[in-house]
Amino acid sequence: MWAEACELLARAERLQRQFFRPGGGSAPNWEPPIDFYETEREYRLLVALPGVRPDQVEVVIDGRMLIVVGERLIATDSPGTRIHRLEIPYGRFERRIQLPVRPMELGRRELIDGCLLLTLRKL
């Protein structure tokens, strides 16, 4: 039981480091979580990007690396806003995903319900 508790604590710390890294400058502050799966004809990548507009995201394929980079702006509409809690990360984000060794091309790209859906067609 003690080992399980230690493993849960270690996992929670890893998740916190993965999703939120306070800091400034141009370095990414957080990595969005992804789902990556394959069908007979394509790969599909779902990137969780709550509150991110399409013009705030860039997708690049560099060799076997797919890079999703952008920024989620903090939603404070009026001056004098007091923040009581921030659990959804904001600021610059970047996620690098190693692609399988196989020719493919970027197909569909759309934001649906706060998630970026990317389709990579197998060639």
Protein backbone atom coordinates (compact mmCIF):
# COMPACT_ATOMS: atom_id res chain seq x y z
CA MET A 1 0.00 0.00 0.00
CA TRP A 2 2.87 2.38 0.79
CA ALA A 3 4.44 1.71 -2.61
CA GLU A 4 1.13 2.49 -4.33
CA ALA A 5 0.81 5.78 -2.44
CA CYS A 6 4.38 6.78 -3.37
CA GLU A 7 3.72 5.90 -7.01
CA LEU A 8 0.54 8.03 -7.02
CA LEU A 9 2.44 11.00 -5.57
CA ALA A 10 5.22 10.62 -8.14
CA ARG A 11 2.65 10.42 -10.94
CA ALA A 12 0.88 13.56 -9.70
CA GLU A 13 4.19 15.45 -9.65
CA ARG A 14 5.01 14.29 -13.22
CA LEU A 15 1.59 15.43 -14.44
CA GLN A 16 1.98 18.82 -12.78
CA ARG A 17 5.39 19.33 -14.42
CA GLN A 18 4.00 18.20 -17.78
CA PHE A 19 1.01 20.53 -17.86
CA PHE A 20 2.26 23.68 -16.15
CA ARG A 21 5.69 25.21 -16.00
CA PRO A 22 5.66 28.72 -14.59
CA GLY A 23 8.06 31.07 -16.25
CA GLY A 24 8.36 33.86 -18.71
CA GLY A 25 9.99 34.66 -21.98
CA SER A 26 9.46 32.76 -25.19
CA ALA A 27 10.00 29.27 -23.76
CA PRO A 28 6.85 27.12 -23.59
CA ASN A 29 5.07 27.10 -20.23
CA TRP A 30 3.03 23.93 -20.74
CA GLU A 31 2.45 20.89 -22.93
CA PRO A 32 -1.11 20.06 -23.96
CA PRO A 33 -2.22 16.44 -23.49
CA ILE A 34 -2.86 14.39 -26.63
CA ASP A 35 -4.57 11.27 -27.92
CA PHE A 36 -2.81 9.67 -30.89
CA TYR A 37 -4.39 6.76 -32.72
CA GLU A 38 -4.29 4.99 -36.05
CA THR A 39 -6.88 3.74 -38.52
CA GLU A 40 -6.33 1.75 -41.69
CA ARG A 41 -5.83 4.91 -43.79
CA GLU A 42 -4.67 7.61 -41.40
CA TYR A 43 -3.30 8.71 -38.07
CA ARG A 44 -5.42 10.99 -35.90
CA LEU A 45 -4.11 13.31 -33.26
CA LEU A 46 -6.35 15.07 -30.77
CA VAL A 47 -4.69 17.90 -28.82
CA ALA A 48 -6.53 19.38 -25.81
CA LEU A 49 -6.42 23.18 -26.21
CA PRO A 50 -9.21 24.74 -24.12
CA GLY A 51 -9.81 28.39 -24.92
CA VAL A 52 -7.34 28.51 -27.81
CA ARG A 53 -8.44 30.10 -31.09
CA PRO A 54 -7.34 28.65 -34.46
CA ASP A 55 -5.13 31.68 -35.15
CA GLN A 56 -3.21 30.99 -31.91
CA VAL A 57 -1.97 27.55 -33.07
CA GLU A 58 0.75 26.56 -35.51
CA VAL A 59 1.30 23.00 -36.74
CA VAL A 60 4.59 22.00 -38.36
CA ILE A 61 5.92 18.66 -39.58
CA ASP A 62 9.70 18.56 -39.39
CA GLY A 63 10.95 15.19 -40.59
CA ARG A 64 9.39 12.63 -38.23
CA MET A 65 8.44 15.27 -35.67
CA LEU A 66 5.00 16.90 -35.51
CA ILE A 67 5.14 20.18 -33.59
CA VAL A 68 2.07 21.97 -32.22
CA VAL A 69 2.92 25.40 -30.82
CA GLY A 70 0.92 28.44 -29.80
CA GLU A 71 -0.43 30.45 -26.93
CA ARG A 72 -3.46 30.38 -24.67
CA LEU A 73 -4.16 33.88 -23.42
CA ILE A 74 -5.36 34.45 -19.89
CA ALA A 75 -9.05 35.38 -19.92
CA THR A 76 -9.18 38.60 -17.94
CA ASP A 77 -11.60 40.89 -19.73
CA SER A 78 -11.64 43.88 -17.44
CA PRO A 79 -9.11 45.79 -15.35
CA GLY A 80 -9.17 45.05 -11.66
CA THR A 81 -10.04 41.38 -12.18
CA ARG A 82 -8.94 39.27 -9.23
CA ILE A 83 -7.95 35.70 -9.98
CA HIS A 84 -9.05 33.23 -7.34
CA ARG A 85 -7.86 30.06 -9.03
CA LEU A 86 -6.05 29.08 -12.24
CA GLU A 87 -6.14 25.38 -13.02
CA ILE A 88 -6.22 25.53 -16.82
CA PRO A 89 -2.71 26.38 -18.03
CA TYR A 90 -2.11 29.49 -20.10
CA GLY A 91 0.79 31.11 -21.90
CA ARG A 92 2.98 29.61 -24.59
CA PHE A 93 2.60 25.91 -25.23
CA GLU A 94 4.47 23.42 -27.34
CA ARG A 95 4.01 19.73 -27.93
CA ARG A 96 6.36 17.58 -30.00
CA ILE A 97 5.14 14.19 -31.17
CA GLN A 98 7.44 11.62 -32.75
CA LEU A 99 5.71 10.25 -35.85
CA PRO A 100 5.94 6.67 -37.11
CA VAL A 101 8.43 5.92 -39.89
CA ARG A 102 6.02 6.13 -42.79
CA PRO A 103 5.26 8.66 -45.52
CA MET A 104 2.23 10.81 -44.64
CA GLU A 105 0.75 14.23 -45.26
CA LEU A 106 -1.21 16.59 -43.08
CA GLY A 107 -4.89 16.36 -43.97
CA ARG A 108 -7.70 17.80 -41.90
CA ARG A 109 -6.97 20.38 -39.22
CA GLU A 110 -9.79 21.80 -37.12
CA LEU A 111 -10.64 22.92 -33.62
CA ILE A 112 -13.62 21.01 -32.21
CA ASP A 113 -14.94 21.52 -28.67
CA GLY A 114 -11.63 22.87 -27.37
CA CYS A 115 -9.52 20.19 -29.05
CA LEU A 116 -7.37 20.41 -32.17
CA LEU A 117 -8.04 17.45 -34.46
CA LEU A 118 -5.25 16.65 -36.91
CA THR A 119 -5.48 13.96 -39.55
CA LEU A 120 -2.30 12.60 -41.11
CA ARG A 121 -3.05 10.60 -44.27
CA LYS A 122 -0.90 7.55 -44.94
CA LEU A 123 0.73 7.62 -48.38
